[in-house]
Protein backbone atom coordinates (compact mmCIF):
# COMPACT_ATOMS: atom_id res chain seq x y z
CA MET A 1 -19.29 16.33 1.11
CA PRO A 2 -19.25 13.16 3.17
CA SER A 3 -22.11 12.73 5.63
CA SER A 4 -21.71 11.47 9.23
CA ALA A 5 -24.02 9.72 11.56
CA ILE A 6 -23.97 9.68 15.34
CA SER A 7 -25.83 6.88 17.04
CA CYS A 8 -26.44 8.09 20.59
CA GLY A 9 -27.14 5.44 23.24
CA GLY A 10 -29.81 5.80 25.80
CA GLY A 11 -33.30 4.47 26.51
CA GLY A 12 -34.42 3.45 23.00
CA GLY A 13 -31.41 4.96 21.31
CA SER A 14 -31.39 7.48 18.55
CA ILE A 15 -29.57 8.20 15.30
CA LEU A 16 -28.51 11.51 14.04
CA PHE A 17 -27.63 11.89 10.36
CA CYS A 18 -25.58 14.99 9.84
CA SER A 19 -23.04 16.68 7.67
CA VAL A 20 -19.37 16.96 8.54
CA GLY A 21 -19.94 20.66 9.55
CA ILE A 22 -22.69 19.74 12.00
CA LEU A 23 -20.57 17.04 13.59
CA LEU A 24 -17.61 19.47 13.80
CA ARG A 25 -19.95 21.91 15.68
CA ARG A 26 -21.05 19.12 18.02
CA LEU A 27 -17.43 18.27 18.73
CA GLN A 28 -16.93 21.90 19.89
CA THR A 29 -19.33 21.43 22.74
CA ASN A 30 -18.72 17.69 23.35
CA PRO A 31 -15.17 16.96 22.17
CA ASN A 32 -15.17 13.41 23.46
CA LEU A 33 -18.66 12.65 22.14
CA ILE A 34 -19.84 11.52 25.56
CA GLY A 35 -23.16 9.74 25.10
CA ALA A 36 -22.46 8.63 21.55
CA SER A 37 -21.76 4.99 20.95
CA HIS A 38 -20.81 5.08 17.26
CA VAL A 39 -19.82 7.56 14.59
CA ILE A 40 -20.10 6.49 10.93
CA LEU A 41 -18.10 8.60 8.53
CA ASP A 42 -19.21 7.76 5.04
CA GLU A 43 -17.55 8.83 1.72
CA ALA A 44 -14.35 9.43 3.64
CA HIS A 45 -12.33 9.48 0.43
CA GLN A 46 -13.66 13.00 -0.23
CA ARG A 47 -10.55 14.56 1.35
CA ASP A 48 -11.33 18.12 2.16
CA VAL A 49 -10.38 20.35 5.07
CA GLY A 50 -13.50 19.60 6.97
CA THR A 51 -13.10 15.81 6.71
CA ASP A 52 -9.41 15.96 7.59
CA VAL A 53 -10.13 18.08 10.68
CA LEU A 54 -12.98 15.77 11.63
CA ALA A 55 -10.71 12.76 11.39
CA THR A 56 -8.16 14.41 13.73
CA LEU A 57 -10.90 15.33 16.27
CA LEU A 58 -12.39 11.86 16.08
CA ARG A 59 -9.01 10.26 16.78
CA ARG A 60 -8.77 12.51 19.91
CA ALA A 61 -12.28 11.52 20.93
CA LEU A 62 -11.53 7.83 20.50
CA ALA A 63 -8.48 8.16 22.73
CA ALA A 64 -10.52 9.96 25.40
CA ASN A 65 -13.75 7.93 25.12
CA PRO A 66 -12.96 4.21 25.11
CA SER A 67 -16.65 3.30 24.56
CA LEU A 68 -16.83 5.27 21.31
CA ARG A 69 -16.65 3.25 18.05
CA LEU A 70 -15.72 4.74 14.65
CA ILE A 71 -16.69 3.21 11.33
CA VAL A 72 -15.04 4.87 8.33
CA MET A 73 -16.55 3.86 4.97
CA SER A 74 -15.73 4.49 1.29
CA ALA A 75 -15.72 2.64 -2.01
CA THR A 76 -12.33 4.18 -2.98
CA LEU A 77 -10.69 4.95 0.39
CA ASP A 78 -6.91 4.48 0.88
CA ALA A 79 -7.68 1.93 3.66
CA PRO A 80 -4.04 1.43 4.86
CA LEU A 81 -3.54 5.20 5.24
CA PHE A 82 -6.78 5.56 7.37
CA ALA A 83 -6.09 2.37 9.33
CA ALA A 84 -2.63 3.75 10.23
CA PHE A 85 -4.05 7.16 11.10
CA PHE A 86 -6.46 5.55 13.55
CA GLY A 87 -3.78 3.37 15.30
CA ASN A 88 -3.66 0.39 12.96
CA ALA A 89 -7.46 -0.01 13.02
CA PRO A 90 -8.78 -3.20 11.49
CA THR A 91 -10.14 -3.01 8.05
CA VAL A 92 -12.94 -4.93 6.35
CA ARG A 93 -13.09 -5.14 2.52
CA VAL A 94 -16.44 -5.91 0.98
CA PRO A 95 -15.98 -7.02 -2.58
CA GLY A 96 -18.43 -5.69 -5.05
CA PHE A 97 -18.93 -3.90 -8.36
CA THR A 98 -18.29 -0.17 -8.53
CA TYR A 99 -20.42 1.63 -11.09
CA PRO A 100 -18.73 3.96 -13.44
CA VAL A 101 -19.42 7.67 -12.75
CA LYS A 102 -18.86 10.42 -15.23
CA GLU A 103 -18.36 13.83 -13.74
CA TYR A 104 -19.70 16.92 -15.59
CA PHE A 105 -18.97 20.52 -14.70
CA LEU A 106 -21.65 23.18 -14.77
CA GLU A 107 -19.62 25.33 -17.16
CA ASP A 108 -19.28 22.36 -19.59
CA LEU A 109 -23.15 22.39 -19.90
CA GLU A 110 -23.76 26.04 -20.26
CA ASN A 111 -24.04 26.05 -24.11
CA GLU A 112 -26.37 23.07 -24.14
CA VAL A 113 -28.81 23.72 -21.36
CA LEU A 114 -27.99 26.63 -19.02
CA HIS A 115 -27.81 30.35 -18.85
CA MET A 116 -24.71 30.57 -16.74
CA ARG A 117 -24.20 33.07 -13.99
CA TYR A 118 -21.09 31.51 -12.46
CA CYS A 119 -19.41 28.23 -11.77
CA ASN A 120 -20.14 26.59 -8.43
CA GLY A 121 -16.92 24.64 -8.02
CA LEU A 122 -14.24 22.49 -9.53
CA HIS A 123 -13.20 18.85 -9.19
CA LEU A 124 -9.47 18.47 -9.69
CA SER A 125 -9.74 14.75 -10.45
CA ALA A 126 -11.91 15.31 -13.47
CA CYS A 127 -9.75 18.25 -14.51
CA GLU A 128 -6.69 16.00 -14.42
CA GLU A 129 -8.42 13.33 -16.44
CA GLU A 130 -9.44 15.78 -19.15
CA SER A 131 -5.92 17.10 -19.53
CA GLY A 132 -4.13 13.76 -19.40
CA GLY A 133 -2.96 14.09 -15.80
CA ALA A 134 -2.04 17.77 -15.85
CA ILE A 135 -4.22 20.18 -13.82
CA ASP A 136 -5.89 22.88 -15.89
CA PHE A 137 -4.76 25.83 -13.78
CA GLU A 138 -6.47 28.43 -15.86
CA ARG A 139 -9.90 26.68 -15.13
CA LEU A 140 -8.93 26.35 -11.44
CA LYS A 141 -8.08 30.08 -11.33
CA LEU A 142 -11.34 31.08 -12.98
CA ALA A 143 -13.37 28.90 -10.59
CA SER A 144 -11.57 30.17 -7.49
CA GLU A 145 -12.10 33.82 -8.43
CA ARG A 146 -15.86 33.48 -8.63
CA PRO A 147 -17.79 34.07 -5.43
CA ASN A 148 -19.35 31.18 -3.58
CA PRO A 149 -22.64 30.93 -5.43
CA VAL A 150 -26.11 30.86 -4.15
CA ILE A 151 -27.47 27.60 -5.50
CA ASP A 152 -29.85 28.22 -8.35
CA CYS A 153 -32.33 25.36 -7.79
CA GLU A 154 -34.15 26.06 -11.11
CA GLN A 155 -30.84 25.60 -12.79
CA VAL A 156 -30.03 22.39 -11.01
CA ALA A 157 -33.51 21.06 -12.02
CA ARG A 158 -32.80 22.01 -15.68
CA VAL A 159 -29.59 20.05 -15.61
CA VAL A 160 -31.31 16.98 -14.12
CA ARG A 161 -34.00 17.19 -16.85
CA TRP A 162 -31.41 17.67 -19.57
CA VAL A 163 -29.38 14.69 -18.34
CA ASP A 164 -32.53 12.59 -18.16
CA SER A 165 -33.65 13.51 -21.65
CA SER A 166 -30.28 13.16 -23.37
CA ARG A 167 -29.27 9.69 -22.01
CA PRO A 168 -30.59 6.24 -22.74
CA PRO A 169 -33.17 4.94 -20.19
CA GLY A 170 -31.83 3.42 -17.00
CA GLY A 171 -29.09 4.49 -14.71
CA ALA A 172 -29.15 7.27 -12.20
CA VAL A 173 -28.28 10.92 -11.76
CA LEU A 174 -26.54 11.93 -8.47
CA VAL A 175 -26.89 15.51 -7.46
CA PHE A 176 -24.82 16.80 -4.58
CA LEU A 177 -26.33 19.84 -2.85
CA PRO A 178 -24.93 21.69 0.16
CA GLY A 179 -27.96 21.42 2.44
CA TRP A 180 -31.47 20.13 3.21
CA ALA A 181 -33.13 23.33 2.04
CA GLU A 182 -31.61 23.05 -1.46
CA ILE A 183 -32.48 19.32 -1.66
CA LYS A 184 -36.06 20.09 -0.80
CA ALA A 185 -36.27 23.01 -3.26
CA VAL A 186 -34.88 20.97 -6.18
CA ALA A 187 -37.14 18.01 -5.34
CA SER A 188 -40.10 20.31 -5.24
CA ILE A 189 -39.23 21.79 -8.72
CA LEU A 190 -38.73 18.37 -10.16
CA GLU A 191 -42.00 17.00 -8.60
CA LYS A 192 -43.96 19.87 -10.31
CA SER A 193 -42.61 18.85 -13.69
CA PRO A 194 -41.20 15.25 -13.30
CA VAL A 195 -38.42 13.88 -15.50
CA SER A 196 -39.35 10.90 -17.65
């Protein structure tokens, strides 16, 4: 899920880093983001309902609040699409190297490292890659029938340890968790028994 930041003007200024959901809640009580000078929407390519609704509400806020500035960032964003959506906004391209990322699904790891309870989601892009461009609708159906899981932080830590021990040294593991409590819990588990 993309994160957003609001930089609120004032005396010394302040910065609020928050999720799309938190910013959507803030927009309910302050739809024009009065008092905010900038909104930074990072990882905007992760097109989900929340991000799309946020983009629509931010476009309205920009029209009503001429002092508000919006910065939309992404390494893989369809820049012309977003520029047109925000009234032919200028774009800046920063050249650089993108690092290859390999996506793994929790259910793909169950035989190697986990005692599965249920899947916690599905990424269609990886599903399409695995099947040569066709979406694996059976996998999608199975994932959508499962309840939204409670994050098993011990299980997440086991996956991180398994990835660390089964790969050559170097590189990084990105773990996306839904909230601060889960991040702290997984970090605490890993700190008790650090990966190599």
